[in-house]
Amino acid sequence: GHVPIEHCVGPRKLTALARLDVHPPFAAMYSDSARDLPLLRRFDYGDAGIPDAQADDWASHGFEPEVAGRWFAAGLTPARAAAWMGAGARDPMVAAGFLWRGFSPEEARRWLGRFIEGRRAAAWQAAGCDPEDAREWIALGIRDPHRVSAFPSPGRLM
């Protein structure tokens, strides 16, 4: 952070901001210095947009504020977010790709284990393929699930 006339990093940043009557909590923070990391670690659930009444629930599910904030913004509860993370979706947008297509975390787990995201998983499933079949087709160079009807099962080809 730059306060006019003084370049501020680390603990000096808070001191300089206080002289300008700017005090935590901050709505946002920018840093280009690793010496500011201790300041960033003070980020809490409220900073992530999570109401105080829900902070303990996120913490009890093992979510740090930064991660909890992304899942909260996606509209998931701590339990649902934990289920999706347990299925292999490390990001709420990955989970959303399955959620929007009607997959449960348990169903998505098999597709994620084969490195197939939600949109493609839905297309392969609509073509009658399970994750293992889809991965075999992809390994053979067939990326469009609509083409598989023209071929015998990949298990018979390999």
C-alpha atoms as a PDB file:
ATOM      1  CA  GLY A   1       0.000   0.000   0.000  1.00  0.00           C
ATOM      2  CA  HIS A   2       1.114   3.490  -0.726  1.00  0.00           C
ATOM      3  CA  VAL A   3       0.179   6.381   1.493  1.00  0.00           C
ATOM      4  CA  PRO A   4       1.386   9.642  -0.080  1.00  0.00           C
ATOM      5  CA  ILE A   5       5.039  10.319   0.715  1.00  0.00           C
ATOM      6  CA  GLU A   6       5.521   6.997   2.531  1.00  0.00           C
ATOM      7  CA  HIS A   7       5.700   3.499   1.064  1.00  0.00           C
ATOM      8  CA  CYS A   8       4.104   1.180   3.602  1.00  0.00           C
ATOM      9  CA  VAL A   9       4.627  -2.541   3.946  1.00  0.00           C
ATOM     10  CA  GLY A  10       4.079  -4.938   6.796  1.00  0.00           C
ATOM     11  CA  PRO A  11       3.050  -3.474  10.160  1.00  0.00           C
ATOM     12  CA  ARG A  12       3.829   0.083   8.950  1.00  0.00           C
ATOM     13  CA  LYS A  13       0.823  -0.171   6.642  1.00  0.00           C
ATOM     14  CA  LEU A  14      -1.665  -0.263   9.538  1.00  0.00           C
ATOM     15  CA  THR A  15       0.115   2.569  11.332  1.00  0.00           C
ATOM     16  CA  ALA A  16       0.062   4.792   8.259  1.00  0.00           C
ATOM     17  CA  LEU A  17      -3.585   4.022   7.536  1.00  0.00           C
ATOM     18  CA  ALA A  18      -4.516   4.777  11.162  1.00  0.00           C
ATOM     19  CA  ARG A  19      -2.902   8.225  10.816  1.00  0.00           C
ATOM     20  CA  LEU A  20      -5.366   8.797   7.966  1.00  0.00           C
ATOM     21  CA  ASP A  21      -8.219   7.581  10.206  1.00  0.00           C
ATOM     22  CA  VAL A  22      -8.641   4.330   8.223  1.00  0.00           C
ATOM     23  CA  HIS A  23      -9.071   1.352  10.545  1.00  0.00           C
ATOM     24  CA  PRO A  24      -9.821  -2.380  10.210  1.00  0.00           C
ATOM     25  CA  PRO A  25     -11.873  -4.223   9.271  1.00  0.00           C
ATOM     26  CA  PHE A  26     -11.241  -3.328   5.651  1.00  0.00           C
ATOM     27  CA  ALA A  27     -13.702  -4.072   2.847  1.00  0.00           C
ATOM     28  CA  ALA A  28     -10.796  -5.061   0.608  1.00  0.00           C
ATOM     29  CA  MET A  29      -7.021  -5.183   0.769  1.00  0.00           C
ATOM     30  CA  TYR A  30      -4.366  -5.115  -1.924  1.00  0.00           C
ATOM     31  CA  SER A  31      -0.784  -6.122  -1.391  1.00  0.00           C
ATOM     32  CA  ASP A  32       2.281  -6.570  -3.522  1.00  0.00           C
ATOM     33  CA  SER A  33       4.564  -7.553  -0.669  1.00  0.00           C
ATOM     34  CA  ALA A  34       4.981 -10.833   1.204  1.00  0.00           C
ATOM     35  CA  ARG A  35       5.649  -8.734   4.308  1.00  0.00           C
ATOM     36  CA  ASP A  36       1.910  -7.912   4.305  1.00  0.00           C
ATOM     37  CA  LEU A  37       0.912 -11.559   4.720  1.00  0.00           C
ATOM     38  CA  PRO A  38       0.462 -11.295   8.502  1.00  0.00           C
ATOM     39  CA  LEU A  39      -2.109  -8.570   7.839  1.00  0.00           C
ATOM     40  CA  LEU A  40      -3.951 -10.744   5.371  1.00  0.00           C
ATOM     41  CA  ARG A  41      -4.107 -13.617   7.854  1.00  0.00           C
ATOM     42  CA  ARG A  42      -6.435 -11.506   9.981  1.00  0.00           C
ATOM     43  CA  PHE A  43      -9.130 -12.027   7.352  1.00  0.00           C
ATOM     44  CA  ASP A  44     -12.165 -13.497   9.118  1.00  0.00           C
ATOM     45  CA  TYR A  45     -15.547 -14.975   8.211  1.00  0.00           C
ATOM     46  CA  GLY A  46     -17.262 -11.592   8.305  1.00  0.00           C
ATOM     47  CA  ASP A  47     -14.702 -10.289   5.790  1.00  0.00           C
ATOM     48  CA  ALA A  48     -15.725 -13.187   3.541  1.00  0.00           C
ATOM     49  CA  GLY A  49     -19.382 -12.099   3.736  1.00  0.00           C
ATOM     50  CA  ILE A  50     -20.436 -14.851   6.127  1.00  0.00           C
ATOM     51  CA  PRO A  51     -22.859 -13.718   8.846  1.00  0.00           C
ATOM     52  CA  ASP A  52     -21.526 -14.008  12.405  1.00  0.00           C
ATOM     53  CA  ALA A  53     -24.279 -16.525  13.227  1.00  0.00           C
ATOM     54  CA  GLN A  54     -22.873 -18.933  10.602  1.00  0.00           C
ATOM     55  CA  ALA A  55     -19.131 -18.486  11.199  1.00  0.00           C
ATOM     56  CA  ASP A  56     -18.853 -21.248  13.813  1.00  0.00           C
ATOM     57  CA  ASP A  57     -20.573 -23.738  11.489  1.00  0.00           C
ATOM     58  CA  TRP A  58     -18.059 -23.021   8.718  1.00  0.00           C
ATOM     59  CA  ALA A  59     -15.167 -23.249  11.166  1.00  0.00           C
ATOM     60  CA  SER A  60     -16.424 -26.537  12.638  1.00  0.00           C
ATOM     61  CA  HIS A  61     -16.465 -28.017   9.123  1.00  0.00           C
ATOM     62  CA  GLY A  62     -12.788 -27.074   8.766  1.00  0.00           C
ATOM     63  CA  PHE A  63     -13.149 -24.142   6.368  1.00  0.00           C
ATOM     64  CA  GLU A  64     -10.766 -21.199   6.552  1.00  0.00           C
ATOM     65  CA  PRO A  65     -12.521 -17.857   5.932  1.00  0.00           C
ATOM     66  CA  GLU A  66     -11.161 -17.392   2.391  1.00  0.00           C
ATOM     67  CA  VAL A  67     -12.355 -20.815   1.247  1.00  0.00           C
ATOM     68  CA  ALA A  68     -15.635 -20.596   3.160  1.00  0.00           C
ATOM     69  CA  GLY A  69     -16.397 -17.276   1.500  1.00  0.00           C
ATOM     70  CA  ARG A  70     -16.245 -18.772  -2.001  1.00  0.00           C
ATOM     71  CA  TRP A  71     -18.564 -21.653  -1.087  1.00  0.00           C
ATOM     72  CA  PHE A  72     -20.912 -19.335   0.832  1.00  0.00           C
ATOM     73  CA  ALA A  73     -21.095 -16.987  -2.173  1.00  0.00           C
ATOM     74  CA  ALA A  74     -22.037 -19.986  -4.316  1.00  0.00           C
ATOM     75  CA  GLY A  75     -25.023 -20.573  -2.015  1.00  0.00           C
ATOM     76  CA  LEU A  76     -23.876 -23.751  -0.294  1.00  0.00           C
ATOM     77  CA  THR A  77     -24.048 -24.624   3.375  1.00  0.00           C
ATOM     78  CA  PRO A  78     -20.900 -25.813   5.157  1.00  0.00           C
ATOM     79  CA  ALA A  79     -22.149 -29.421   5.101  1.00  0.00           C
ATOM     80  CA  ARG A  80     -22.900 -29.335   1.356  1.00  0.00           C
ATOM     81  CA  ALA A  81     -19.606 -27.603   0.611  1.00  0.00           C
ATOM     82  CA  ALA A  82     -17.764 -30.264   2.637  1.00  0.00           C
ATOM     83  CA  ALA A  83     -19.586 -33.008   0.708  1.00  0.00           C
ATOM     84  CA  TRP A  84     -18.553 -31.476  -2.622  1.00  0.00           C
ATOM     85  CA  MET A  85     -14.959 -31.020  -1.496  1.00  0.00           C
ATOM     86  CA  GLY A  86     -14.962 -34.624  -0.294  1.00  0.00           C
ATOM     87  CA  ALA A  87     -16.102 -35.673  -3.763  1.00  0.00           C
ATOM     88  CA  GLY A  88     -13.106 -33.943  -5.308  1.00  0.00           C
ATOM     89  CA  ALA A  89     -14.552 -30.539  -6.226  1.00  0.00           C
ATOM     90  CA  ARG A  90     -11.999 -28.187  -4.678  1.00  0.00           C
ATOM     91  CA  ASP A  91     -13.734 -25.103  -6.080  1.00  0.00           C
ATOM     92  CA  PRO A  92     -17.424 -24.134  -5.982  1.00  0.00           C
ATOM     93  CA  MET A  93     -17.444 -23.532  -9.744  1.00  0.00           C
ATOM     94  CA  VAL A  94     -16.384 -27.134 -10.316  1.00  0.00           C
ATOM     95  CA  ALA A  95     -19.202 -28.289  -8.030  1.00  0.00           C
ATOM     96  CA  ALA A  96     -21.628 -25.948  -9.795  1.00  0.00           C
ATOM     97  CA  GLY A  97     -20.868 -27.640 -13.112  1.00  0.00           C
ATOM     98  CA  PHE A  98     -22.324 -30.814 -11.643  1.00  0.00           C
ATOM     99  CA  LEU A  99     -25.007 -29.230  -9.460  1.00  0.00           C
ATOM    100  CA  TRP A 100     -26.565 -27.401 -12.409  1.00  0.00           C
ATOM    101  CA  ARG A 101     -26.853 -30.723 -14.211  1.00  0.00           C
ATOM    102  CA  GLY A 102     -28.456 -32.624 -11.338  1.00  0.00           C
ATOM    103  CA  PHE A 103     -25.457 -34.600 -10.075  1.00  0.00           C
ATOM    104  CA  SER A 104     -25.012 -35.331  -6.390  1.00  0.00           C
ATOM    105  CA  PRO A 105     -21.525 -35.205  -4.845  1.00  0.00           C
ATOM    106  CA  GLU A 106     -21.493 -39.023  -4.800  1.00  0.00           C
ATOM    107  CA  GLU A 107     -22.325 -39.209  -8.512  1.00  0.00           C
ATOM    108  CA  ALA A 108     -19.814 -36.500  -9.389  1.00  0.00           C
ATOM    109  CA  ARG A 109     -17.012 -38.225  -7.465  1.00  0.00           C
ATOM    110  CA  ARG A 110     -16.606 -40.935 -10.138  1.00  0.00           C
ATOM    111  CA  TRP A 111     -16.455 -38.365 -12.953  1.00  0.00           C
ATOM    112  CA  LEU A 112     -14.071 -36.096 -11.074  1.00  0.00           C
ATOM    113  CA  GLY A 113     -11.885 -39.124 -10.369  1.00  0.00           C
ATOM    114  CA  ARG A 114     -11.575 -39.524 -14.146  1.00  0.00           C
ATOM    115  CA  PHE A 115     -10.847 -35.786 -14.611  1.00  0.00           C
ATOM    116  CA  ILE A 116     -14.143 -35.123 -16.376  1.00  0.00           C
ATOM    117  CA  GLU A 117     -15.979 -31.919 -15.458  1.00  0.00           C
ATOM    118  CA  GLY A 118     -19.745 -31.496 -15.101  1.00  0.00           C
ATOM    119  CA  ARG A 119     -20.698 -30.345 -18.590  1.00  0.00           C
ATOM    120  CA  ARG A 120     -18.790 -33.159 -20.257  1.00  0.00           C
ATOM    121  CA  ALA A 121     -19.954 -35.695 -17.671  1.00  0.00           C
ATOM    122  CA  ALA A 122     -23.578 -34.853 -18.465  1.00  0.00           C
ATOM    123  CA  ALA A 123     -22.934 -35.254 -22.202  1.00  0.00           C
ATOM    124  CA  TRP A 124     -21.172 -38.619 -21.764  1.00  0.00           C
ATOM    125  CA  GLN A 125     -23.886 -39.832 -19.412  1.00  0.00           C
ATOM    126  CA  ALA A 126     -26.579 -38.804 -21.920  1.00  0.00           C
ATOM    127  CA  ALA A 127     -24.727 -40.917 -24.512  1.00  0.00           C
ATOM    128  CA  GLY A 128     -25.045 -43.925 -22.197  1.00  0.00           C
ATOM    129  CA  CYS A 129     -21.481 -43.935 -20.911  1.00  0.00           C
ATOM    130  CA  ASP A 130     -20.255 -44.216 -17.359  1.00  0.00           C
ATOM    131  CA  PRO A 131     -17.036 -42.427 -16.270  1.00  0.00           C
ATOM    132  CA  GLU A 132     -14.838 -45.427 -17.058  1.00  0.00           C
ATOM    133  CA  ASP A 133     -16.274 -45.790 -20.582  1.00  0.00           C
ATOM    134  CA  ALA A 134     -15.926 -42.052 -21.170  1.00  0.00           C
ATOM    135  CA  ARG A 135     -12.277 -42.088 -20.103  1.00  0.00           C
ATOM    136  CA  GLU A 136     -11.589 -45.036 -22.451  1.00  0.00           C
ATOM    137  CA  TRP A 137     -13.244 -43.237 -25.365  1.00  0.00           C
ATOM    138  CA  ILE A 138     -11.281 -40.082 -24.600  1.00  0.00           C
ATOM    139  CA  ALA A 139      -8.037 -42.126 -24.468  1.00  0.00           C
ATOM    140  CA  LEU A 140      -8.896 -43.412 -27.950  1.00  0.00           C
ATOM    141  CA  GLY A 141      -9.260 -39.850 -29.215  1.00  0.00           C
ATOM    142  CA  ILE A 142     -13.067 -39.737 -29.206  1.00  0.00           C
ATOM    143  CA  ARG A 143     -13.956 -36.511 -27.410  1.00  0.00           C
ATOM    144  CA  ASP A 144     -17.505 -36.096 -28.700  1.00  0.00           C
ATOM    145  CA  PRO A 145     -19.865 -38.458 -26.863  1.00  0.00           C
ATOM    146  CA  HIS A 146     -22.371 -38.261 -29.716  1.00  0.00           C
ATOM    147  CA  ARG A 147     -19.914 -40.152 -31.928  1.00  0.00           C
ATOM    148  CA  VAL A 148     -19.732 -43.255 -29.727  1.00  0.00           C
ATOM    149  CA  SER A 149     -22.879 -44.815 -31.186  1.00  0.00           C
ATOM    150  CA  ALA A 150     -20.946 -45.402 -34.426  1.00  0.00           C
ATOM    151  CA  PHE A 151     -18.413 -47.650 -32.666  1.00  0.00           C
ATOM    152  CA  PRO A 152     -18.493 -50.845 -30.623  1.00  0.00           C
ATOM    153  CA  SER A 153     -17.891 -50.544 -26.880  1.00  0.00           C
ATOM    154  CA  PRO A 154     -14.342 -49.401 -26.099  1.00  0.00           C
ATOM    155  CA  GLY A 155     -13.845 -52.473 -23.917  1.00  0.00           C
ATOM    156  CA  ARG A 156     -14.117 -54.589 -27.064  1.00  0.00           C
ATOM    157  CA  LEU A 157     -11.582 -52.403 -28.864  1.00  0.00           C
ATOM    158  CA  MET A 158      -8.849 -52.498 -26.217  1.00  0.00           C
END
